[in-house]
Amino acid sequence: MTRRAKHWRALLREQEWSGLTQAAFCRQRRINSGTFAWWKRKLRADAGTESAGSGAGSRRGPSRTDPLRFMEVAVVGAGRERYEIVLPGGRVVRVPADFDPANVARLIRAVESAC
C-alpha cells in the first residue's frame, strides 16, 4: 500500500471513530469531501479485491510461524473508549474497552477462520 493510501485509510478510520458525519468531518479538517469520498470508494474496492483472492499462493492470514509484531495504538475520540484491531487483509474488529479479552480472542479466531 502506498504512503498516500495509508494516509487516507487513517483519515477514514478517524472519521468513523469521530462520530461525525463525513461532511462534518471534512469541513472540520478542511478536506475536499469529493476527494474523501473517492478514497473511501477506492480503498473499499481494493480491500474487496484483496479478500476475494482465493487462488493458489494467496495468503489468508498469518501462519503459526510468523513472528509476532507490535502495533502502535492511538486513543482517538475521548469518551468513546473502544479498541480497533486490524487483521491481515485489512479486516477490522472494533470492540468496546470493557469487552472481555477471552471473547475478543474467540471473535478474532472466528473472523480469521471464516476468510
PDB file of N, CA and C in Angstrom:
ATOM      1  N   MET A   1       0.842  -1.162   0.000  1.00  0.00           N
ATOM      2  CA  MET A   1       0.000   0.000   0.000  1.00  0.00           C
ATOM      3  C   MET A   1       0.899   1.240   0.000  1.00  0.00           C
ATOM      4  N   THR A   2       0.515   2.213  -0.789  1.00  0.00           N
ATOM      5  CA  THR A   2       1.314   3.431  -0.888  1.00  0.00           C
ATOM      6  C   THR A   2       1.168   4.282   0.371  1.00  0.00           C
ATOM      7  N   ARG A   3       2.088   5.205   0.524  1.00  0.00           N
ATOM      8  CA  ARG A   3       2.049   6.123   1.667  1.00  0.00           C
ATOM      9  C   ARG A   3       0.763   6.957   1.647  1.00  0.00           C
ATOM     10  N   ARG A   4       0.383   7.389   0.466  1.00  0.00           N
ATOM     11  CA  ARG A   4      -0.835   8.191   0.327  1.00  0.00           C
ATOM     12  C   ARG A   4      -2.068   7.371   0.718  1.00  0.00           C
ATOM     13  N   ALA A   5      -2.123   6.119   0.269  1.00  0.00           N
ATOM     14  CA  ALA A   5      -3.261   5.255   0.609  1.00  0.00           C
ATOM     15  C   ALA A   5      -3.329   5.027   2.121  1.00  0.00           C
ATOM     16  N   LYS A   6      -2.164   4.840   2.759  1.00  0.00           N
ATOM     17  CA  LYS A   6      -2.141   4.665   4.211  1.00  0.00           C
ATOM     18  C   LYS A   6      -2.665   5.908   4.910  1.00  0.00           C
ATOM     19  N   HIS A   7      -2.276   7.078   4.405  1.00  0.00           N
ATOM     20  CA  HIS A   7      -2.750   8.346   4.969  1.00  0.00           C
ATOM     21  C   HIS A   7      -4.277   8.421   4.905  1.00  0.00           C
ATOM     22  N   TRP A   8      -4.844   8.096   3.737  1.00  0.00           N
ATOM     23  CA  TRP A   8      -6.296   8.187   3.574  1.00  0.00           C
ATOM     24  C   TRP A   8      -7.013   7.114   4.379  1.00  0.00           C
ATOM     25  N   ARG A   9      -6.428   5.936   4.488  1.00  0.00           N
ATOM     26  CA  ARG A   9      -7.042   4.872   5.300  1.00  0.00           C
ATOM     27  C   ARG A   9      -7.124   5.337   6.760  1.00  0.00           C
ATOM     28  N   ALA A  10      -6.065   5.999   7.246  1.00  0.00           N
ATOM     29  CA  ALA A  10      -6.066   6.508   8.618  1.00  0.00           C
ATOM     30  C   ALA A  10      -7.139   7.590   8.791  1.00  0.00           C
ATOM     31  N   LEU A  11      -7.287   8.471   7.796  1.00  0.00           N
ATOM     32  CA  LEU A  11      -8.325   9.502   7.873  1.00  0.00           C
ATOM     33  C   LEU A  11      -9.718   8.882   7.878  1.00  0.00           C
ATOM     34  N   LEU A  12      -9.926   7.855   7.059  1.00  0.00           N
ATOM     35  CA  LEU A  12     -11.232   7.189   7.026  1.00  0.00           C
ATOM     36  C   LEU A  12     -11.558   6.570   8.384  1.00  0.00           C
ATOM     37  N   ARG A  13     -10.575   5.921   9.005  1.00  0.00           N
ATOM     38  CA  ARG A  13     -10.785   5.333  10.325  1.00  0.00           C
ATOM     39  C   ARG A  13     -11.092   6.422  11.350  1.00  0.00           C
ATOM     40  N   GLU A  14     -10.332   7.509  11.264  1.00  0.00           N
ATOM     41  CA  GLU A  14     -10.536   8.610  12.205  1.00  0.00           C
ATOM     42  C   GLU A  14     -11.950   9.179  12.073  1.00  0.00           C
ATOM     43  N   GLN A  15     -12.433   9.314  10.849  1.00  0.00           N
ATOM     44  CA  GLN A  15     -13.789   9.828  10.644  1.00  0.00           C
ATOM     45  C   GLN A  15     -14.816   8.871  11.252  1.00  0.00           C
ATOM     46  N   GLU A  16     -14.633   7.567  11.049  1.00  0.00           N
ATOM     47  CA  GLU A  16     -15.555   6.587  11.627  1.00  0.00           C
ATOM     48  C   GLU A  16     -15.600   6.708  13.146  1.00  0.00           C
ATOM     49  N   TRP A  17     -14.449   6.820  13.753  1.00  0.00           N
ATOM     50  CA  TRP A  17     -14.347   6.876  15.208  1.00  0.00           C
ATOM     51  C   TRP A  17     -14.831   8.213  15.753  1.00  0.00           C
ATOM     52  N   SER A  18     -14.783   9.261  14.958  1.00  0.00           N
ATOM     53  CA  SER A  18     -15.112  10.598  15.456  1.00  0.00           C
ATOM     54  C   SER A  18     -16.586  10.752  15.815  1.00  0.00           C
ATOM     55  N   GLY A  19     -17.433   9.953  15.177  1.00  0.00           N
ATOM     56  CA  GLY A  19     -18.860  10.098  15.383  1.00  0.00           C
ATOM     57  C   GLY A  19     -19.462  11.207  14.531  1.00  0.00           C
ATOM     58  N   LEU A  20     -18.620  11.905  13.774  1.00  0.00           N
ATOM     59  CA  LEU A  20     -19.086  12.969  12.885  1.00  0.00           C
ATOM     60  C   LEU A  20     -19.547  12.387  11.563  1.00  0.00           C
ATOM     61  N   THR A  21     -20.439  13.090  10.898  1.00  0.00           N
ATOM     62  CA  THR A  21     -20.794  12.686   9.544  1.00  0.00           C
ATOM     63  C   THR A  21     -19.583  12.928   8.657  1.00  0.00           C
ATOM     64  N   GLN A  22     -19.579  12.318   7.492  1.00  0.00           N
ATOM     65  CA  GLN A  22     -18.477  12.501   6.554  1.00  0.00           C
ATOM     66  C   GLN A  22     -18.338  13.987   6.197  1.00  0.00           C
ATOM     67  N   ALA A  23     -19.470  14.653   5.953  1.00  0.00           N
ATOM     68  CA  ALA A  23     -19.446  16.068   5.577  1.00  0.00           C
ATOM     69  C   ALA A  23     -18.881  16.926   6.715  1.00  0.00           C
ATOM     70  N   ALA A  24     -19.326  16.673   7.942  1.00  0.00           N
ATOM     71  CA  ALA A  24     -18.853  17.460   9.085  1.00  0.00           C
ATOM     72  C   ALA A  24     -17.366  17.233   9.325  1.00  0.00           C
ATOM     73  N   PHE A  25     -16.930  15.984   9.212  1.00  0.00           N
ATOM     74  CA  PHE A  25     -15.520  15.660   9.399  1.00  0.00           C
ATOM     75  C   PHE A  25     -14.670  16.385   8.357  1.00  0.00           C
ATOM     76  N   CYS A  26     -15.102  16.361   7.108  1.00  0.00           N
ATOM     77  CA  CYS A  26     -14.353  17.023   6.037  1.00  0.00           C
ATOM     78  C   CYS A  26     -14.307  18.537   6.262  1.00  0.00           C
ATOM     79  N   ARG A  27     -15.425  19.118   6.679  1.00  0.00           N
ATOM     80  CA  ARG A  27     -15.440  20.567   6.963  1.00  0.00           C
ATOM     81  C   ARG A  27     -14.468  20.897   8.089  1.00  0.00           C
ATOM     82  N   GLN A  28     -14.533  20.105   9.157  1.00  0.00           N
ATOM     83  CA  GLN A  28     -13.685  20.342  10.322  1.00  0.00           C
ATOM     84  C   GLN A  28     -12.200  20.240   9.961  1.00  0.00           C
ATOM     85  N   ARG A  29     -11.847  19.280   9.121  1.00  0.00           N
ATOM     86  CA  ARG A  29     -10.461  19.039   8.743  1.00  0.00           C
ATOM     87  C   ARG A  29     -10.038  19.783   7.489  1.00  0.00           C
ATOM     88  N   ARG A  30     -10.998  20.502   6.886  1.00  0.00           N
ATOM     89  CA  ARG A  30     -10.739  21.229   5.625  1.00  0.00           C
ATOM     90  C   ARG A  30     -10.238  20.276   4.535  1.00  0.00           C
ATOM     91  N   ILE A  31     -10.971  19.187   4.409  1.00  0.00           N
ATOM     92  CA  ILE A  31     -10.688  18.170   3.394  1.00  0.00           C
ATOM     93  C   ILE A  31     -11.775  18.268   2.339  1.00  0.00           C
ATOM     94  N   ASN A  32     -11.405  18.176   1.085  1.00  0.00           N
ATOM     95  CA  ASN A  32     -12.382  18.174  -0.001  1.00  0.00           C
ATOM     96  C   ASN A  32     -13.238  16.917   0.142  1.00  0.00           C
ATOM     97  N   SER A  33     -14.553  17.091   0.290  1.00  0.00           N
ATOM     98  CA  SER A  33     -15.433  15.939   0.526  1.00  0.00           C
ATOM     99  C   SER A  33     -15.481  14.991  -0.672  1.00  0.00           C
ATOM    100  N   GLY A  34     -15.330  15.522  -1.883  1.00  0.00           N
ATOM    101  CA  GLY A  34     -15.291  14.662  -3.066  1.00  0.00           C
ATOM    102  C   GLY A  34     -14.059  13.772  -3.074  1.00  0.00           C
ATOM    103  N   THR A  35     -12.922  14.337  -2.674  1.00  0.00           N
ATOM    104  CA  THR A  35     -11.682  13.552  -2.601  1.00  0.00           C
ATOM    105  C   THR A  35     -11.807  12.486  -1.518  1.00  0.00           C
ATOM    106  N   PHE A  36     -12.382  12.870  -0.388  1.00  0.00           N
ATOM    107  CA  PHE A  36     -12.591  11.923   0.709  1.00  0.00           C
ATOM    108  C   PHE A  36     -13.447  10.742   0.236  1.00  0.00           C
ATOM    109  N   ALA A  37     -14.548  11.065  -0.441  1.00  0.00           N
ATOM    110  CA  ALA A  37     -15.460  10.022  -0.934  1.00  0.00           C
ATOM    111  C   ALA A  37     -14.768   9.124  -1.952  1.00  0.00           C
ATOM    112  N   TRP A  38     -13.943   9.730  -2.820  1.00  0.00           N
ATOM    113  CA  TRP A  38     -13.228   8.936  -3.829  1.00  0.00           C
ATOM    114  C   TRP A  38     -12.299   7.933  -3.163  1.00  0.00           C
ATOM    115  N   TRP A  39     -11.524   8.379  -2.149  1.00  0.00           N
ATOM    116  CA  TRP A  39     -10.609   7.471  -1.458  1.00  0.00           C
ATOM    117  C   TRP A  39     -11.377   6.400  -0.685  1.00  0.00           C
ATOM    118  N   LYS A  40     -12.512   6.760  -0.144  1.00  0.00           N
ATOM    119  CA  LYS A  40     -13.325   5.784   0.579  1.00  0.00           C
ATOM    120  C   LYS A  40     -13.756   4.659  -0.358  1.00  0.00           C
ATOM    121  N   ARG A  41     -14.253   5.029  -1.544  1.00  0.00           N
ATOM    122  CA  ARG A  41     -14.646   4.014  -2.533  1.00  0.00           C
ATOM    123  C   ARG A  41     -13.450   3.195  -2.991  1.00  0.00           C
ATOM    124  N   LYS A  42     -12.349   3.860  -3.292  1.00  0.00           N
ATOM    125  CA  LYS A  42     -11.159   3.173  -3.800  1.00  0.00           C
ATOM    126  C   LYS A  42     -10.624   2.166  -2.788  1.00  0.00           C
ATOM    127  N   LEU A  43     -10.474   2.587  -1.537  1.00  0.00           N
ATOM    128  CA  LEU A  43      -9.905   1.690  -0.531  1.00  0.00           C
ATOM    129  C   LEU A  43     -10.844   0.536  -0.205  1.00  0.00           C
ATOM    130  N   ARG A  44     -12.143   0.788  -0.233  1.00  0.00           N
ATOM    131  CA  ARG A  44     -13.093  -0.319  -0.026  1.00  0.00           C
ATOM    132  C   ARG A  44     -13.032  -1.297  -1.190  1.00  0.00           C
ATOM    133  N   ALA A  45     -12.931  -0.780  -2.412  1.00  0.00           N
ATOM    134  CA  ALA A  45     -12.832  -1.657  -3.585  1.00  0.00           C
ATOM    135  C   ALA A  45     -11.540  -2.464  -3.532  1.00  0.00           C
ATOM    136  N   ASP A  46     -10.443  -1.813  -3.166  1.00  0.00           N
ATOM    137  CA  ASP A  46      -9.160  -2.508  -3.058  1.00  0.00           C
ATOM    138  C   ASP A  46      -9.215  -3.591  -1.996  1.00  0.00           C
ATOM    139  N   ALA A  47      -9.859  -3.306  -0.861  1.00  0.00           N
ATOM    140  CA  ALA A  47      -9.972  -4.292   0.215  1.00  0.00           C
ATOM    141  C   ALA A  47     -10.820  -5.474  -0.241  1.00  0.00           C
ATOM    142  N   GLY A  48     -11.871  -5.208  -1.009  1.00  0.00           N
ATOM    143  CA  GLY A  48     -12.708  -6.284  -1.539  1.00  0.00           C
ATOM    144  C   GLY A  48     -11.950  -7.166  -2.499  1.00  0.00           C
ATOM    145  N   THR A  49     -11.081  -6.567  -3.307  1.00  0.00           N
ATOM    146  CA  THR A  49     -10.267  -7.320  -4.259  1.00  0.00           C
ATOM    147  C   THR A  49      -9.265  -8.196  -3.524  1.00  0.00           C
ATOM    148  N   GLU A  50      -8.637  -7.654  -2.473  1.00  0.00           N
ATOM    149  CA  GLU A  50      -7.651  -8.422  -1.712  1.00  0.00           C
ATOM    150  C   GLU A  50      -8.288  -9.615  -1.023  1.00  0.00           C
ATOM    151  N   SER A  51      -9.467  -9.411  -0.395  1.00  0.00           N
ATOM    152  CA  SER A  51     -10.082 -10.511   0.337  1.00  0.00           C
ATOM    153  C   SER A  51     -10.724 -11.530  -0.589  1.00  0.00           C
ATOM    154  N   ALA A  52     -11.006 -11.130  -1.842  1.00  0.00           N
ATOM    155  CA  ALA A  52     -11.634 -12.054  -2.780  1.00  0.00           C
ATOM    156  C   ALA A  52     -10.629 -13.046  -3.362  1.00  0.00           C
ATOM    157  N   GLY A  53      -9.341 -12.745  -3.310  1.00  0.00           N
ATOM    158  CA  GLY A  53      -8.327 -13.635  -3.885  1.00  0.00           C
ATOM    159  C   GLY A  53      -8.285 -14.956  -3.160  1.00  0.00           C
ATOM    160  N   SER A  54      -8.529 -16.040  -3.897  1.00  0.00           N
ATOM    161  CA  SER A  54      -8.502 -17.340  -3.231  1.00  0.00           C
ATOM    162  C   SER A  54      -7.724 -18.354  -4.046  1.00  0.00           C
ATOM    163  N   GLY A  55      -6.980 -17.879  -5.029  1.00  0.00           N
ATOM    164  CA  GLY A  55      -6.205 -18.793  -5.851  1.00  0.00           C
ATOM    165  C   GLY A  55      -4.996 -19.312  -5.111  1.00  0.00           C
ATOM    166  N   ALA A  56      -4.273 -20.214  -5.733  1.00  0.00           N
ATOM    167  CA  ALA A  56      -3.073 -20.757  -5.137  1.00  0.00           C
ATOM    168  C   ALA A  56      -2.105 -19.622  -4.863  1.00  0.00           C
ATOM    169  N   GLY A  57      -1.480 -19.672  -3.722  1.00  0.00           N
ATOM    170  CA  GLY A  57      -0.498 -18.664  -3.384  1.00  0.00           C
ATOM    171  C   GLY A  57      -1.082 -17.457  -2.676  1.00  0.00           C
ATOM    172  N   SER A  58      -2.416 -17.370  -2.603  1.00  0.00           N
ATOM    173  CA  SER A  58      -2.978 -16.238  -1.864  1.00  0.00           C
ATOM    174  C   SER A  58      -2.838 -16.532  -0.382  1.00  0.00           C
ATOM    175  N   ARG A  59      -2.662 -15.502   0.366  1.00  0.00           N
ATOM    176  CA  ARG A  59      -2.427 -15.666   1.794  1.00  0.00           C
ATOM    177  C   ARG A  59      -3.667 -15.275   2.561  1.00  0.00           C
ATOM    178  N   ARG A  60      -4.149 -16.129   3.426  1.00  0.00           N
ATOM    179  CA  ARG A  60      -5.388 -15.880   4.138  1.00  0.00           C
ATOM    180  C   ARG A  60      -5.165 -15.431   5.569  1.00  0.00           C
ATOM    181  N   GLY A  61      -3.979 -15.216   6.006  1.00  0.00           N
ATOM    182  CA  GLY A  61      -3.735 -14.789   7.372  1.00  0.00           C
ATOM    183  C   GLY A  61      -2.361 -15.216   7.811  1.00  0.00           C
ATOM    184  N   PRO A  62      -1.989 -14.888   9.020  1.00  0.00           N
ATOM    185  CA  PRO A  62      -0.652 -15.232   9.483  1.00  0.00           C
ATOM    186  C   PRO A  62      -0.520 -16.726   9.723  1.00  0.00           C
ATOM    187  N   SER A  63       0.631 -17.248   9.408  1.00  0.00           N
ATOM    188  CA  SER A  63       0.875 -18.657   9.715  1.00  0.00           C
ATOM    189  C   SER A  63       1.373 -18.729  11.149  1.00  0.00           C
ATOM    190  N   ARG A  64       1.386 -19.899  11.700  1.00  0.00           N
ATOM    191  CA  ARG A  64       1.830 -20.059  13.084  1.00  0.00           C
ATOM    192  C   ARG A  64       3.315 -19.735  13.226  1.00  0.00           C
ATOM    193  N   THR A  65       4.058 -19.683  12.125  1.00  0.00           N
ATOM    194  CA  THR A  65       5.493 -19.405  12.201  1.00  0.00           C
ATOM    195  C   THR A  65       5.815 -17.931  12.011  1.00  0.00           C
ATOM    196  N   ASP A  66       4.799 -17.098  11.689  1.00  0.00           N
ATOM    197  CA  ASP A  66       5.040 -15.660  11.546  1.00  0.00           C
ATOM    198  C   ASP A  66       5.444 -15.085  12.899  1.00  0.00           C
ATOM    199  N   PRO A  67       6.439 -14.197  12.902  1.00  0.00           N
ATOM    200  CA  PRO A  67       6.823 -13.589  14.184  1.00  0.00           C
ATOM    201  C   PRO A  67       5.734 -12.634  14.657  1.00  0.00           C
ATOM    202  N   LEU A  68       5.613 -12.495  15.946  1.00  0.00           N
ATOM    203  CA  LEU A  68       4.650 -11.542  16.499  1.00  0.00           C
ATOM    204  C   LEU A  68       5.171 -10.141  16.250  1.00  0.00           C
ATOM    205  N   ARG A  69       4.263  -9.216  15.999  1.00  0.00           N
ATOM    206  CA  ARG A  69       4.654  -7.839  15.747  1.00  0.00           C
ATOM    207  C   ARG A  69       3.906  -6.923  16.690  1.00  0.00           C
ATOM    208  N   PHE A  70       4.559  -5.826  17.079  1.00  0.00           N
ATOM    209  CA  PHE A  70       3.903  -4.820  17.887  1.00  0.00           C
ATOM    210  C   PHE A  70       3.242  -3.816  16.969  1.00  0.00           C
ATOM    211  N   MET A  71       2.146  -3.256  17.427  1.00  0.00           N
ATOM    212  CA  MET A  71       1.393  -2.304  16.627  1.00  0.00           C
ATOM    213  C   MET A  71       1.138  -1.068  17.470  1.00  0.00           C
ATOM    214  N   GLU A  72       1.286   0.105  16.857  1.00  0.00           N
ATOM    215  CA  GLU A  72       1.015   1.350  17.553  1.00  0.00           C
ATOM    216  C   GLU A  72      -0.490   1.472  17.786  1.00  0.00           C
ATOM    217  N   VAL A  73      -0.851   1.905  18.973  1.00  0.00           N
ATOM    218  CA  VAL A  73      -2.253   2.110  19.315  1.00  0.00           C
ATOM    219  C   VAL A  73      -2.418   3.573  19.701  1.00  0.00           C
ATOM    220  N   ALA A  74      -3.411   4.221  19.117  1.00  0.00           N
ATOM    221  CA  ALA A  74      -3.674   5.624  19.433  1.00  0.00           C
ATOM    222  C   ALA A  74      -5.085   5.763  19.972  1.00  0.00           C
ATOM    223  N   VAL A  75      -5.257   6.610  20.968  1.00  0.00           N
ATOM    224  CA  VAL A  75      -6.577   6.886  21.514  1.00  0.00           C
ATOM    225  C   VAL A  75      -7.167   8.036  20.716  1.00  0.00           C
ATOM    226  N   VAL A  76      -8.329   7.797  20.118  1.00  0.00           N
ATOM    227  CA  VAL A  76      -8.998   8.803  19.291  1.00  0.00           C
ATOM    228  C   VAL A  76     -10.408   8.988  19.817  1.00  0.00           C
ATOM    229  N   GLY A  77     -10.819  10.208  19.964  1.00  0.00           N
ATOM    230  CA  GLY A  77     -12.203  10.475  20.387  1.00  0.00           C
ATOM    231  C   GLY A  77     -12.413  10.204  21.854  1.00  0.00           C
ATOM    232  N   ALA A  78     -11.988  11.117  22.704  1.00  0.00           N
ATOM    233  CA  ALA A  78     -12.144  10.955  24.147  1.00  0.00           C
ATOM    234  C   ALA A  78     -13.597  10.656  24.498  1.00  0.00           C
ATOM    235  N   GLY A  79     -13.794   9.772  25.452  1.00  0.00           N
ATOM    236  CA  GLY A  79     -15.129   9.419  25.886  1.00  0.00           C
ATOM    237  C   GLY A  79     -15.741   8.277  25.090  1.00  0.00           C
ATOM    238  N   ARG A  80     -15.068   7.818  24.069  1.00  0.00           N
ATOM    239  CA  ARG A  80     -15.570   6.709  23.261  1.00  0.00           C
ATOM    240  C   ARG A  80     -14.551   5.576  23.357  1.00  0.00           C
ATOM    241  N   GLU A  81     -14.421   5.007  24.562  1.00  0.00           N
ATOM    242  CA  GLU A  81     -13.395   4.009  24.795  1.00  0.00           C
ATOM    243  C   GLU A  81     -13.736   2.714  24.056  1.00  0.00           C
ATOM    244  N   ARG A  82     -12.920   2.415  23.076  1.00  0.00           N
ATOM    245  CA  ARG A  82     -13.035   1.150  22.350  1.00  0.00           C
ATOM    246  C   ARG A  82     -11.703   0.879  21.671  1.00  0.00           C
ATOM    247  N   TYR A  83     -11.546  -0.336  21.218  1.00  0.00           N
ATOM    248  CA  TYR A  83     -10.313  -0.746  20.566  1.00  0.00           C
ATOM    249  C   TYR A  83     -10.608  -1.141  19.131  1.00  0.00           C
ATOM    250  N   GLU A  84      -9.618  -0.943  18.298  1.00  0.00           N
ATOM    251  CA  GLU A  84      -9.709  -1.346  16.899  1.00  0.00           C
ATOM    252  C   GLU A  84      -8.557  -2.299  16.645  1.00  0.00           C
ATOM    253  N   ILE A  85      -8.886  -3.481  16.137  1.00  0.00           N
ATOM    254  CA  ILE A  85      -7.876  -4.493  15.832  1.00  0.00           C
ATOM    255  C   ILE A  85      -7.886  -4.680  14.322  1.00  0.00           C
ATOM    256  N   VAL A  86      -6.755  -4.387  13.673  1.00  0.00           N
ATOM    257  CA  VAL A  86      -6.650  -4.514  12.226  1.00  0.00           C
ATOM    258  C   VAL A  86      -5.995  -5.859  11.934  1.00  0.00           C
ATOM    259  N   LEU A  87      -6.731  -6.731  11.263  1.00  0.00           N
ATOM    260  CA  LEU A  87      -6.257  -8.072  10.943  1.00  0.00           C
ATOM    261  C   LEU A  87      -5.612  -8.075   9.564  1.00  0.00           C
ATOM    262  N   PRO A  88      -4.823  -9.097   9.267  1.00  0.00           N
ATOM    263  CA  PRO A  88      -4.239  -9.200   7.925  1.00  0.00           C
ATOM    264  C   PRO A  88      -5.335  -9.136   6.865  1.00  0.00           C
ATOM    265  N   GLY A  89      -5.037  -8.509   5.761  1.00  0.00           N
ATOM    266  CA  GLY A  89      -6.019  -8.370   4.693  1.00  0.00           C
ATOM    267  C   GLY A  89      -6.905  -7.154   4.885  1.00  0.00           C
ATOM    268  N   GLY A  90      -6.656  -6.378   5.949  1.00  0.00           N
ATOM    269  CA  GLY A  90      -7.401  -5.153   6.147  1.00  0.00           C
ATOM    270  C   GLY A  90      -8.702  -5.284   6.916  1.00  0.00           C
ATOM    271  N   ARG A  91      -9.060  -6.505   7.356  1.00  0.00           N
ATOM    272  CA  ARG A  91     -10.279  -6.645   8.145  1.00  0.00           C
ATOM    273  C   ARG A  91     -10.083  -5.953   9.488  1.00  0.00           C
ATOM    274  N   VAL A  92     -11.135  -5.320   9.994  1.00  0.00           N
ATOM    275  CA  VAL A  92     -11.053  -4.553  11.236  1.00  0.00           C
ATOM    276  C   VAL A  92     -12.107  -5.050  12.209  1.00  0.00           C
ATOM    277  N   VAL A  93     -11.689  -5.269  13.453  1.00  0.00           N
ATOM    278  CA  VAL A  93     -12.607  -5.650  14.522  1.00  0.00           C
ATOM    279  C   VAL A  93     -12.598  -4.498  15.519  1.00  0.00           C
ATOM    280  N   ARG A  94     -13.780  -3.946  15.827  1.00  0.00           N
ATOM    281  CA  ARG A  94     -13.898  -2.870  16.804  1.00  0.00           C
ATOM    282  C   ARG A  94     -14.694  -3.373  18.000  1.00  0.00           C
ATOM    283  N   VAL A  95     -14.132  -3.183  19.195  1.00  0.00           N
ATOM    284  CA  VAL A  95     -14.799  -3.649  20.407  1.00  0.00           C
ATOM    285  C   VAL A  95     -14.724  -2.560  21.479  1.00  0.00           C
ATOM    286  N   PRO A  96     -15.720  -2.503  22.371  1.00  0.00           N
ATOM    287  CA  PRO A  96     -15.660  -1.530  23.462  1.00  0.00           C
ATOM    288  C   PRO A  96     -14.526  -1.882  24.419  1.00  0.00           C
ATOM    289  N   ALA A  97     -14.039  -0.898  25.148  1.00  0.00           N
ATOM    290  CA  ALA A  97     -12.907  -1.101  26.054  1.00  0.00           C
ATOM    291  C   ALA A  97     -13.200  -2.136  27.129  1.00  0.00           C
ATOM    292  N   ASP A  98     -14.458  -2.296  27.521  1.00  0.00           N
ATOM    293  CA  ASP A  98     -14.791  -3.245  28.582  1.00  0.00           C
ATOM    294  C   ASP A  98     -15.122  -4.644  28.049  1.00  0.00           C
ATOM    295  N   PHE A  99     -14.808  -4.890  26.778  1.00  0.00           N
ATOM    296  CA  PHE A  99     -15.063  -6.186  26.162  1.00  0.00           C
ATOM    297  C   PHE A  99     -14.155  -7.240  26.787  1.00  0.00           C
ATOM    298  N   ASP A 100     -14.694  -8.417  27.075  1.00  0.00           N
ATOM    299  CA  ASP A 100     -13.940  -9.499  27.704  1.00  0.00           C
ATOM    300  C   ASP A 100     -12.842 -10.015  26.769  1.00  0.00           C
ATOM    301  N   PRO A 101     -11.569 -10.052  27.214  1.00  0.00           N
ATOM    302  CA  PRO A 101     -10.466 -10.499  26.357  1.00  0.00           C
ATOM    303  C   PRO A 101     -10.665 -11.896  25.773  1.00  0.00           C
ATOM    304  N   ALA A 102     -11.254 -12.792  26.547  1.00  0.00           N
ATOM    305  CA  ALA A 102     -11.484 -14.149  26.031  1.00  0.00           C
ATOM    306  C   ALA A 102     -12.468 -14.111  24.862  1.00  0.00           C
ATOM    307  N   ASN A 103     -13.489 -13.263  24.972  1.00  0.00           N
ATOM    308  CA  ASN A 103     -14.445 -13.134  23.870  1.00  0.00           C
ATOM    309  C   ASN A 103     -13.799 -12.491  22.648  1.00  0.00           C
ATOM    310  N   VAL A 104     -12.904 -11.529  22.870  1.00  0.00           N
ATOM    311  CA  VAL A 104     -12.191 -10.906  21.750  1.00  0.00           C
ATOM    312  C   VAL A 104     -11.365 -11.965  21.026  1.00  0.00           C
ATOM    313  N   ALA A 105     -10.657 -12.788  21.773  1.00  0.00           N
ATOM    314  CA  ALA A 105      -9.834 -13.841  21.166  1.00  0.00           C
ATOM    315  C   ALA A 105     -10.696 -14.796  20.339  1.00  0.00           C
ATOM    316  N   ARG A 106     -11.853 -15.201  20.887  1.00  0.00           N
ATOM    317  CA  ARG A 106     -12.748 -16.096  20.138  1.00  0.00           C
ATOM    318  C   ARG A 106     -13.279 -15.411  18.882  1.00  0.00           C
ATOM    319  N   LEU A 107     -13.617 -14.128  19.003  1.00  0.00           N
ATOM    320  CA  LEU A 107     -14.110 -13.377  17.858  1.00  0.00           C
ATOM    321  C   LEU A 107     -13.061 -13.303  16.752  1.00  0.00           C
ATOM    322  N   ILE A 108     -11.824 -13.003  17.115  1.00  0.00           N
ATOM    323  CA  ILE A 108     -10.749 -12.919  16.110  1.00  0.00           C
ATOM    324  C   ILE A 108     -10.533 -14.266  15.449  1.00  0.00           C
ATOM    325  N   ARG A 109     -10.504 -15.343  16.235  1.00  0.00           N
ATOM    326  CA  ARG A 109     -10.341 -16.688  15.645  1.00  0.00           C
ATOM    327  C   ARG A 109     -11.470 -16.984  14.670  1.00  0.00           C
ATOM    328  N   ALA A 110     -12.699 -16.620  15.036  1.00  0.00           N
ATOM    329  CA  ALA A 110     -13.852 -16.872  14.169  1.00  0.00           C
ATOM    330  C   ALA A 110     -13.748 -16.069  12.877  1.00  0.00           C
ATOM    331  N   VAL A 111     -13.356 -14.796  12.983  1.00  0.00           N
ATOM    332  CA  VAL A 111     -13.223 -13.957  11.784  1.00  0.00           C
ATOM    333  C   VAL A 111     -12.128 -14.495  10.875  1.00  0.00           C
ATOM    334  N   GLU A 112     -10.995 -14.875  11.449  1.00  0.00           N
ATOM    335  CA  GLU A 112      -9.883 -15.386  10.634  1.00  0.00           C
ATOM    336  C   GLU A 112     -10.219 -16.721   9.995  1.00  0.00           C
ATOM    337  N   SER A 113     -10.976 -17.583  10.682  1.00  0.00           N
ATOM    338  CA  SER A 113     -11.284 -18.894  10.119  1.00  0.00           C
ATOM    339  C   SER A 113     -12.325 -18.800   9.015  1.00  0.00           C
ATOM    340  N   ALA A 114     -13.130 -17.732   9.035  1.00  0.00           N
ATOM    341  CA  ALA A 114     -14.170 -17.566   8.022  1.00  0.00           C
ATOM    342  C   ALA A 114     -13.603 -17.060   6.705  1.00  0.00           C
ATOM    343  N   CYS A 115     -12.383 -16.572   6.718  1.00  0.00           N
ATOM    344  CA  CYS A 115     -11.816 -15.975   5.497  1.00  0.00           C
ATOM    345  C   CYS A 115     -10.817 -16.862   4.825  1.00  0.00           C
TER     346      CYS A 115
END
